[in-house]
């Protein structure tokens, strides 16, 4: 059921964040970065594009909500009706939404993101807004090439967790007192004026890196690997 009332959207967005904040206070958060410059509690983290899989987006959002003493953050959100609730939820975590996708408002969104990324981090789910699940599209690579900002691949997971099934992807929500792991890989620089073939090559590299980081996060969350697994697995 789609909610078309702006007031109901705002109320639902607020309730979602209140519930997730209460839940997140109970979890054990483990943050692992392959580059010491990238830390959610730091104020000097370089402005970057963060690539996040759509099904685990709740964890990076809540990490941002916990550590607000860094650069401003904006996120690309689709213009579909379902995105309206997310926009209202993000507002309570001080994440500004840029509306657009490959099918609706894409050109305008890219222009706005190029302006925002001069001073703000950008969260992008490169497999959204309609999938396929965890299949990376080139939009984030184009932004990196045009802006000169690095792409930081991110993998998040939790054990145990609820998994809510959707049309094309799932949504992972940590259970109370779960072990939550967020892993950041090495920043990727995409040079300016790359050809379409070169852009596709970078896409394959970023896809492979995000898959690797997800495997590392799962192993850490399950207790199979220690936190230095990201470096030993590289």
C-alpha atoms as a PDB file:
ATOM      1  CA  UNK A   1       0.000   0.000   0.000  1.00  0.00           C
ATOM      2  CA  UNK A   2       1.389   3.374  -0.996  1.00  0.00           C
ATOM      3  CA  UNK A   3       1.081   6.279   1.431  1.00  0.00           C
ATOM      4  CA  UNK A   4       0.354   9.525  -0.390  1.00  0.00           C
ATOM      5  CA  UNK A   5      -0.166  11.791   2.617  1.00  0.00           C
ATOM      6  CA  UNK A   6       2.947  13.903   3.363  1.00  0.00           C
ATOM      7  CA  UNK A   7       1.957  14.029   7.034  1.00  0.00           C
ATOM      8  CA  UNK A   8       1.690  10.250   7.280  1.00  0.00           C
ATOM      9  CA  UNK A   9       5.025   9.899   5.472  1.00  0.00           C
ATOM     10  CA  UNK A  10       6.699  12.193   8.004  1.00  0.00           C
ATOM     11  CA  UNK A  11       5.148  10.334  10.950  1.00  0.00           C
ATOM     12  CA  UNK A  12       6.150   6.946   9.539  1.00  0.00           C
ATOM     13  CA  UNK A  13       9.690   8.148   8.805  1.00  0.00           C
ATOM     14  CA  UNK A  14      10.031   9.417  12.384  1.00  0.00           C
ATOM     15  CA  UNK A  15       8.672   6.183  13.873  1.00  0.00           C
ATOM     16  CA  UNK A  16      11.079   4.090  11.785  1.00  0.00           C
ATOM     17  CA  UNK A  17      14.106   6.038  12.979  1.00  0.00           C
ATOM     18  CA  UNK A  18      12.970   6.039  16.629  1.00  0.00           C
ATOM     19  CA  UNK A  19      12.521   2.256  16.521  1.00  0.00           C
ATOM     20  CA  UNK A  20      15.860   1.677  14.782  1.00  0.00           C
ATOM     21  CA  UNK A  21      17.705   3.968  17.200  1.00  0.00           C
ATOM     22  CA  UNK A  22      16.308   2.037  20.167  1.00  0.00           C
ATOM     23  CA  UNK A  23      17.324  -1.236  18.544  1.00  0.00           C
ATOM     24  CA  UNK A  24      20.792   0.054  17.631  1.00  0.00           C
ATOM     25  CA  UNK A  25      21.545   0.929  21.256  1.00  0.00           C
ATOM     26  CA  UNK A  26      21.493  -2.782  22.064  1.00  0.00           C
ATOM     27  CA  UNK A  27      23.821  -4.028  19.317  1.00  0.00           C
ATOM     28  CA  UNK A  28      27.570  -4.541  19.381  1.00  0.00           C
ATOM     29  CA  UNK A  29      28.958  -2.441  16.554  1.00  0.00           C
ATOM     30  CA  UNK A  30      32.276  -3.381  14.969  1.00  0.00           C
ATOM     31  CA  UNK A  31      33.670  -0.956  12.417  1.00  0.00           C
ATOM     32  CA  UNK A  32      36.549  -2.163  10.246  1.00  0.00           C
ATOM     33  CA  UNK A  33      38.354   0.017   7.705  1.00  0.00           C
ATOM     34  CA  UNK A  34      41.126  -0.871   5.296  1.00  0.00           C
ATOM     35  CA  UNK A  35      42.240   2.774   5.362  1.00  0.00           C
ATOM     36  CA  UNK A  36      42.691   4.555   8.731  1.00  0.00           C
ATOM     37  CA  UNK A  37      41.545   7.846   7.211  1.00  0.00           C
ATOM     38  CA  UNK A  38      37.995   6.506   6.923  1.00  0.00           C
ATOM     39  CA  UNK A  39      36.421   6.448  10.360  1.00  0.00           C
ATOM     40  CA  UNK A  40      32.788   7.388  11.177  1.00  0.00           C
ATOM     41  CA  UNK A  41      33.869   9.178  14.361  1.00  0.00           C
ATOM     42  CA  UNK A  42      36.524  11.288  12.625  1.00  0.00           C
ATOM     43  CA  UNK A  43      36.057  14.877  11.534  1.00  0.00           C
ATOM     44  CA  UNK A  44      38.731  14.754   8.831  1.00  0.00           C
ATOM     45  CA  UNK A  45      37.501  11.819   6.742  1.00  0.00           C
ATOM     46  CA  UNK A  46      38.049  12.825   3.081  1.00  0.00           C
ATOM     47  CA  UNK A  47      34.849  13.730   1.234  1.00  0.00           C
ATOM     48  CA  UNK A  48      33.886  10.603  -0.689  1.00  0.00           C
ATOM     49  CA  UNK A  49      31.236   8.619  -2.520  1.00  0.00           C
ATOM     50  CA  UNK A  50      30.189   5.624  -0.411  1.00  0.00           C
ATOM     51  CA  UNK A  51      28.888   2.587  -2.319  1.00  0.00           C
ATOM     52  CA  UNK A  52      26.342   0.666  -0.216  1.00  0.00           C
ATOM     53  CA  UNK A  53      24.260  -2.344  -1.174  1.00  0.00           C
ATOM     54  CA  UNK A  54      20.564  -1.573  -1.057  1.00  0.00           C
ATOM     55  CA  UNK A  55      19.601  -4.486   1.194  1.00  0.00           C
ATOM     56  CA  UNK A  56      21.934  -3.406   4.033  1.00  0.00           C
ATOM     57  CA  UNK A  57      21.330   0.355   3.868  1.00  0.00           C
ATOM     58  CA  UNK A  58      19.905   0.564   7.428  1.00  0.00           C
ATOM     59  CA  UNK A  59      23.295  -0.099   9.057  1.00  0.00           C
ATOM     60  CA  UNK A  60      25.315   2.752   7.428  1.00  0.00           C
ATOM     61  CA  UNK A  61      22.394   5.136   8.026  1.00  0.00           C
ATOM     62  CA  UNK A  62      22.357   4.305  11.732  1.00  0.00           C
ATOM     63  CA  UNK A  63      26.147   4.557  11.951  1.00  0.00           C
ATOM     64  CA  UNK A  64      25.864   8.039  10.477  1.00  0.00           C
ATOM     65  CA  UNK A  65      23.137   8.819  13.015  1.00  0.00           C
ATOM     66  CA  UNK A  66      25.463   7.788  15.850  1.00  0.00           C
ATOM     67  CA  UNK A  67      28.524   9.694  14.561  1.00  0.00           C
ATOM     68  CA  UNK A  68      27.386  13.119  13.390  1.00  0.00           C
ATOM     69  CA  UNK A  69      30.610  15.044  14.001  1.00  0.00           C
ATOM     70  CA  UNK A  70      31.913  14.694  10.450  1.00  0.00           C
ATOM     71  CA  UNK A  71      31.120  16.216   7.054  1.00  0.00           C
ATOM     72  CA  UNK A  72      27.528  16.622   5.988  1.00  0.00           C
ATOM     73  CA  UNK A  73      26.039  13.637   4.157  1.00  0.00           C
ATOM     74  CA  UNK A  74      23.538  13.380   1.340  1.00  0.00           C
ATOM     75  CA  UNK A  75      22.020  10.302  -0.268  1.00  0.00           C
ATOM     76  CA  UNK A  76      20.557   9.524  -3.661  1.00  0.00           C
ATOM     77  CA  UNK A  77      16.923   8.430  -3.252  1.00  0.00           C
ATOM     78  CA  UNK A  78      14.592   7.398  -6.064  1.00  0.00           C
ATOM     79  CA  UNK A  79      11.619   9.563  -7.031  1.00  0.00           C
ATOM     80  CA  UNK A  80       9.228   6.647  -6.660  1.00  0.00           C
ATOM     81  CA  UNK A  81       6.543   6.950  -4.002  1.00  0.00           C
ATOM     82  CA  UNK A  82       8.259   4.438  -1.728  1.00  0.00           C
ATOM     83  CA  UNK A  83      11.253   6.764  -1.546  1.00  0.00           C
ATOM     84  CA  UNK A  84       9.210   9.475   0.193  1.00  0.00           C
ATOM     85  CA  UNK A  85       9.168   7.607   3.504  1.00  0.00           C
ATOM     86  CA  UNK A  86      12.934   7.087   3.269  1.00  0.00           C
ATOM     87  CA  UNK A  87      13.449  10.810   2.637  1.00  0.00           C
ATOM     88  CA  UNK A  88      11.521  11.657   5.812  1.00  0.00           C
ATOM     89  CA  UNK A  89      13.417   9.015   7.790  1.00  0.00           C
ATOM     90  CA  UNK A  90      16.791  10.293   6.537  1.00  0.00           C
ATOM     91  CA  UNK A  91      15.920  13.817   7.610  1.00  0.00           C
ATOM     92  CA  UNK A  92      15.970  12.707  11.246  1.00  0.00           C
ATOM     93  CA  UNK A  93      19.528  11.383  10.833  1.00  0.00           C
ATOM     94  CA  UNK A  94      20.744  14.615   9.207  1.00  0.00           C
ATOM     95  CA  UNK A  95      21.173  12.990   5.828  1.00  0.00           C
ATOM     96  CA  UNK A  96      19.878  15.187   3.017  1.00  0.00           C
ATOM     97  CA  UNK A  97      18.131  13.456   0.140  1.00  0.00           C
ATOM     98  CA  UNK A  98      18.772  14.053  -3.555  1.00  0.00           C
ATOM     99  CA  UNK A  99      15.846  12.650  -5.523  1.00  0.00           C
ATOM    100  CA  UNK A 100      16.435  10.863  -8.816  1.00  0.00           C
ATOM    101  CA  UNK A 101      17.265   7.589 -10.553  1.00  0.00           C
ATOM    102  CA  UNK A 102      18.162   6.243 -13.961  1.00  0.00           C
ATOM    103  CA  UNK A 103      14.483   6.254 -14.956  1.00  0.00           C
ATOM    104  CA  UNK A 104      13.233   9.467 -13.326  1.00  0.00           C
ATOM    105  CA  UNK A 105      15.085  12.728 -12.757  1.00  0.00           C
ATOM    106  CA  UNK A 106      18.507  11.222 -13.362  1.00  0.00           C
ATOM    107  CA  UNK A 107      20.187  14.133 -15.165  1.00  0.00           C
ATOM    108  CA  UNK A 108      19.029  16.670 -12.596  1.00  0.00           C
ATOM    109  CA  UNK A 109      20.117  14.392  -9.739  1.00  0.00           C
ATOM    110  CA  UNK A 110      23.608  13.975 -11.226  1.00  0.00           C
ATOM    111  CA  UNK A 111      24.012  17.747 -11.516  1.00  0.00           C
ATOM    112  CA  UNK A 112      22.943  18.236  -7.904  1.00  0.00           C
ATOM    113  CA  UNK A 113      25.210  15.453  -6.653  1.00  0.00           C
ATOM    114  CA  UNK A 114      28.188  16.993  -8.455  1.00  0.00           C
ATOM    115  CA  UNK A 115      27.496  20.195  -6.543  1.00  0.00           C
ATOM    116  CA  UNK A 116      26.945  18.441  -3.200  1.00  0.00           C
ATOM    117  CA  UNK A 117      30.019  16.219  -3.366  1.00  0.00           C
ATOM    118  CA  UNK A 118      32.259  19.274  -3.255  1.00  0.00           C
ATOM    119  CA  UNK A 119      31.579  19.473   0.500  1.00  0.00           C
ATOM    120  CA  UNK A 120      29.400  16.497   1.459  1.00  0.00           C
ATOM    121  CA  UNK A 121      29.818  12.758   1.551  1.00  0.00           C
ATOM    122  CA  UNK A 122      27.405  10.965  -0.764  1.00  0.00           C
ATOM    123  CA  UNK A 123      25.708   7.641  -0.005  1.00  0.00           C
ATOM    124  CA  UNK A 124      24.707   5.730  -3.147  1.00  0.00           C
ATOM    125  CA  UNK A 125      23.144   2.289  -3.522  1.00  0.00           C
ATOM    126  CA  UNK A 126      24.542   1.361  -6.960  1.00  0.00           C
ATOM    127  CA  UNK A 127      22.140  -1.578  -7.364  1.00  0.00           C
ATOM    128  CA  UNK A 128      19.009   0.573  -6.915  1.00  0.00           C
ATOM    129  CA  UNK A 129      16.325   1.610  -7.333  1.00  0.00           C
ATOM    130  CA  UNK A 130      14.976  -1.509  -9.079  1.00  0.00           C
ATOM    131  CA  UNK A 131      17.894  -3.916  -9.148  1.00  0.00           C
ATOM    132  CA  UNK A 132      19.004  -6.482 -10.023  1.00  0.00           C
ATOM    133  CA  UNK A 133      20.053  -7.131  -6.429  1.00  0.00           C
ATOM    134  CA  UNK A 134      23.745  -6.421  -5.784  1.00  0.00           C
ATOM    135  CA  UNK A 135      24.452  -5.785  -9.461  1.00  0.00           C
ATOM    136  CA  UNK A 136      26.421  -2.567  -9.666  1.00  0.00           C
ATOM    137  CA  UNK A 137      25.519   0.125 -12.217  1.00  0.00           C
ATOM    138  CA  UNK A 138      27.983   2.658 -13.601  1.00  0.00           C
ATOM    139  CA  UNK A 139      26.324   5.803 -12.196  1.00  0.00           C
ATOM    140  CA  UNK A 140      28.553   6.046  -9.132  1.00  0.00           C
ATOM    141  CA  UNK A 141      31.644   5.542 -11.315  1.00  0.00           C
ATOM    142  CA  UNK A 142      30.552   8.370 -13.610  1.00  0.00           C
ATOM    143  CA  UNK A 143      30.132  10.651 -10.577  1.00  0.00           C
ATOM    144  CA  UNK A 144      33.580   9.702  -9.323  1.00  0.00           C
ATOM    145  CA  UNK A 145      35.124  10.437 -12.706  1.00  0.00           C
ATOM    146  CA  UNK A 146      33.389  13.810 -13.017  1.00  0.00           C
ATOM    147  CA  UNK A 147      33.948  14.946  -9.416  1.00  0.00           C
ATOM    148  CA  UNK A 148      37.414  13.537  -8.692  1.00  0.00           C
ATOM    149  CA  UNK A 149      36.139  12.115  -5.390  1.00  0.00           C
ATOM    150  CA  UNK A 150      37.065   8.555  -4.389  1.00  0.00           C
ATOM    151  CA  UNK A 151      34.566   5.716  -4.152  1.00  0.00           C
ATOM    152  CA  UNK A 152      34.673   3.891  -0.822  1.00  0.00           C
ATOM    153  CA  UNK A 153      33.088   0.414  -1.062  1.00  0.00           C
ATOM    154  CA  UNK A 154      31.098  -0.553   2.036  1.00  0.00           C
ATOM    155  CA  UNK A 155      29.762  -3.910   3.228  1.00  0.00           C
ATOM    156  CA  UNK A 156      27.471  -4.267   6.246  1.00  0.00           C
ATOM    157  CA  UNK A 157      25.856  -7.223   7.930  1.00  0.00           C
ATOM    158  CA  UNK A 158      24.522  -8.431  11.280  1.00  0.00           C
ATOM    159  CA  UNK A 159      24.198 -11.731  13.119  1.00  0.00           C
ATOM    160  CA  UNK A 160      21.448 -12.496  13.957  1.00  0.00           C
ATOM    161  CA  UNK A 161      19.208 -10.325  11.794  1.00  0.00           C
ATOM    162  CA  UNK A 162      15.730 -10.067  10.354  1.00  0.00           C
ATOM    163  CA  UNK A 163      15.513 -10.259   6.565  1.00  0.00           C
ATOM    164  CA  UNK A 164      12.415  -8.697   5.018  1.00  0.00           C
ATOM    165  CA  UNK A 165      11.716  -9.907   1.489  1.00  0.00           C
ATOM    166  CA  UNK A 166      10.977  -7.374  -1.233  1.00  0.00           C
ATOM    167  CA  UNK A 167      10.171  -7.395  -4.931  1.00  0.00           C
ATOM    168  CA  UNK A 168      13.760  -7.271  -6.163  1.00  0.00           C
ATOM    169  CA  UNK A 169      15.852  -7.104  -2.988  1.00  0.00           C
ATOM    170  CA  UNK A 170      15.683  -7.826   0.724  1.00  0.00           C
ATOM    171  CA  UNK A 171      16.109  -5.509   3.705  1.00  0.00           C
ATOM    172  CA  UNK A 172      18.405  -6.593   6.536  1.00  0.00           C
ATOM    173  CA  UNK A 173      17.644  -5.266  10.031  1.00  0.00           C
ATOM    174  CA  UNK A 174      19.839  -6.257  13.005  1.00  0.00           C
ATOM    175  CA  UNK A 175      18.058  -8.044  15.818  1.00  0.00           C
ATOM    176  CA  UNK A 176      18.395  -6.761  19.400  1.00  0.00           C
ATOM    177  CA  UNK A 177      21.821  -7.541  20.934  1.00  0.00           C
ATOM    178  CA  UNK A 178      23.186  -8.712  17.594  1.00  0.00           C
ATOM    179  CA  UNK A 179      26.723  -8.340  16.287  1.00  0.00           C
ATOM    180  CA  UNK A 180      26.792  -5.623  13.616  1.00  0.00           C
ATOM    181  CA  UNK A 181      29.791  -5.351  11.291  1.00  0.00           C
ATOM    182  CA  UNK A 182      30.557  -2.562   8.827  1.00  0.00           C
ATOM    183  CA  UNK A 183      33.607  -2.991   6.594  1.00  0.00           C
ATOM    184  CA  UNK A 184      35.146  -0.290   4.380  1.00  0.00           C
ATOM    185  CA  UNK A 185      37.560  -1.134   1.590  1.00  0.00           C
ATOM    186  CA  UNK A 186      40.298   0.835  -0.107  1.00  0.00           C
ATOM    187  CA  UNK A 187      39.117   4.013  -1.873  1.00  0.00           C
ATOM    188  CA  UNK A 188      38.908   3.741  -5.662  1.00  0.00           C
ATOM    189  CA  UNK A 189      39.853   6.682  -7.863  1.00  0.00           C
ATOM    190  CA  UNK A 190      38.260   6.878 -11.306  1.00  0.00           C
ATOM    191  CA  UNK A 191      40.234   9.164 -13.643  1.00  0.00           C
ATOM    192  CA  UNK A 192      38.475  11.908 -15.623  1.00  0.00           C
ATOM    193  CA  UNK A 193      37.340  11.466 -19.215  1.00  0.00           C
ATOM    194  CA  UNK A 194      37.286   7.668 -19.081  1.00  0.00           C
ATOM    195  CA  UNK A 195      35.796   5.819 -22.033  1.00  0.00           C
ATOM    196  CA  UNK A 196      32.711   3.648 -21.763  1.00  0.00           C
ATOM    197  CA  UNK A 197      34.879   0.530 -21.962  1.00  0.00           C
ATOM    198  CA  UNK A 198      37.153   1.819 -19.186  1.00  0.00           C
ATOM    199  CA  UNK A 199      34.123   2.701 -17.081  1.00  0.00           C
ATOM    200  CA  UNK A 200      32.840  -0.842 -17.472  1.00  0.00           C
ATOM    201  CA  UNK A 201      36.239  -2.174 -16.405  1.00  0.00           C
ATOM    202  CA  UNK A 202      36.067  -0.102 -13.213  1.00  0.00           C
ATOM    203  CA  UNK A 203      32.529  -1.391 -12.675  1.00  0.00           C
ATOM    204  CA  UNK A 204      33.773  -4.987 -12.680  1.00  0.00           C
ATOM    205  CA  UNK A 205      36.544  -4.083 -10.244  1.00  0.00           C
ATOM    206  CA  UNK A 206      34.186  -2.337  -7.837  1.00  0.00           C
ATOM    207  CA  UNK A 207      31.644  -5.150  -8.105  1.00  0.00           C
ATOM    208  CA  UNK A 208      34.307  -7.716  -7.217  1.00  0.00           C
ATOM    209  CA  UNK A 209      35.588  -5.624  -4.309  1.00  0.00           C
ATOM    210  CA  UNK A 210      32.127  -5.166  -2.801  1.00  0.00           C
ATOM    211  CA  UNK A 211      31.492  -8.897  -3.073  1.00  0.00           C
ATOM    212  CA  UNK A 212      34.820  -9.583  -1.348  1.00  0.00           C
ATOM    213  CA  UNK A 213      34.072  -7.128   1.447  1.00  0.00           C
ATOM    214  CA  UNK A 214      30.650  -8.686   1.980  1.00  0.00           C
ATOM    215  CA  UNK A 215      32.271 -12.101   2.429  1.00  0.00           C
ATOM    216  CA  UNK A 216      34.736 -10.585   4.913  1.00  0.00           C
ATOM    217  CA  UNK A 217      31.906  -8.893   6.867  1.00  0.00           C
ATOM    218  CA  UNK A 218      29.947 -12.157   7.018  1.00  0.00           C
ATOM    219  CA  UNK A 219      32.977 -14.066   8.300  1.00  0.00           C
ATOM    220  CA  UNK A 220      33.682 -11.473  10.991  1.00  0.00           C
ATOM    221  CA  UNK A 221      30.020 -11.343  12.067  1.00  0.00           C
ATOM    222  CA  UNK A 222      29.861 -15.124  12.327  1.00  0.00           C
ATOM    223  CA  UNK A 223      33.083 -15.238  14.369  1.00  0.00           C
ATOM    224  CA  UNK A 224      35.035 -17.153  11.730  1.00  0.00           C
ATOM    225  CA  UNK A 225      37.538 -14.355  11.066  1.00  0.00           C
ATOM    226  CA  UNK A 226      39.103 -11.698  13.331  1.00  0.00           C
ATOM    227  CA  UNK A 227      38.739  -8.025  12.524  1.00  0.00           C
ATOM    228  CA  UNK A 228      41.985  -7.912  10.565  1.00  0.00           C
ATOM    229  CA  UNK A 229      40.431 -10.299   8.023  1.00  0.00           C
ATOM    230  CA  UNK A 230      39.944  -7.464   5.556  1.00  0.00           C
ATOM    231  CA  UNK A 231      43.690  -7.005   5.242  1.00  0.00           C
ATOM    232  CA  UNK A 232      44.565 -10.687   5.256  1.00  0.00           C
ATOM    233  CA  UNK A 233      41.913 -11.475   2.638  1.00  0.00           C
ATOM    234  CA  UNK A 234      42.979  -8.752   0.232  1.00  0.00           C
END
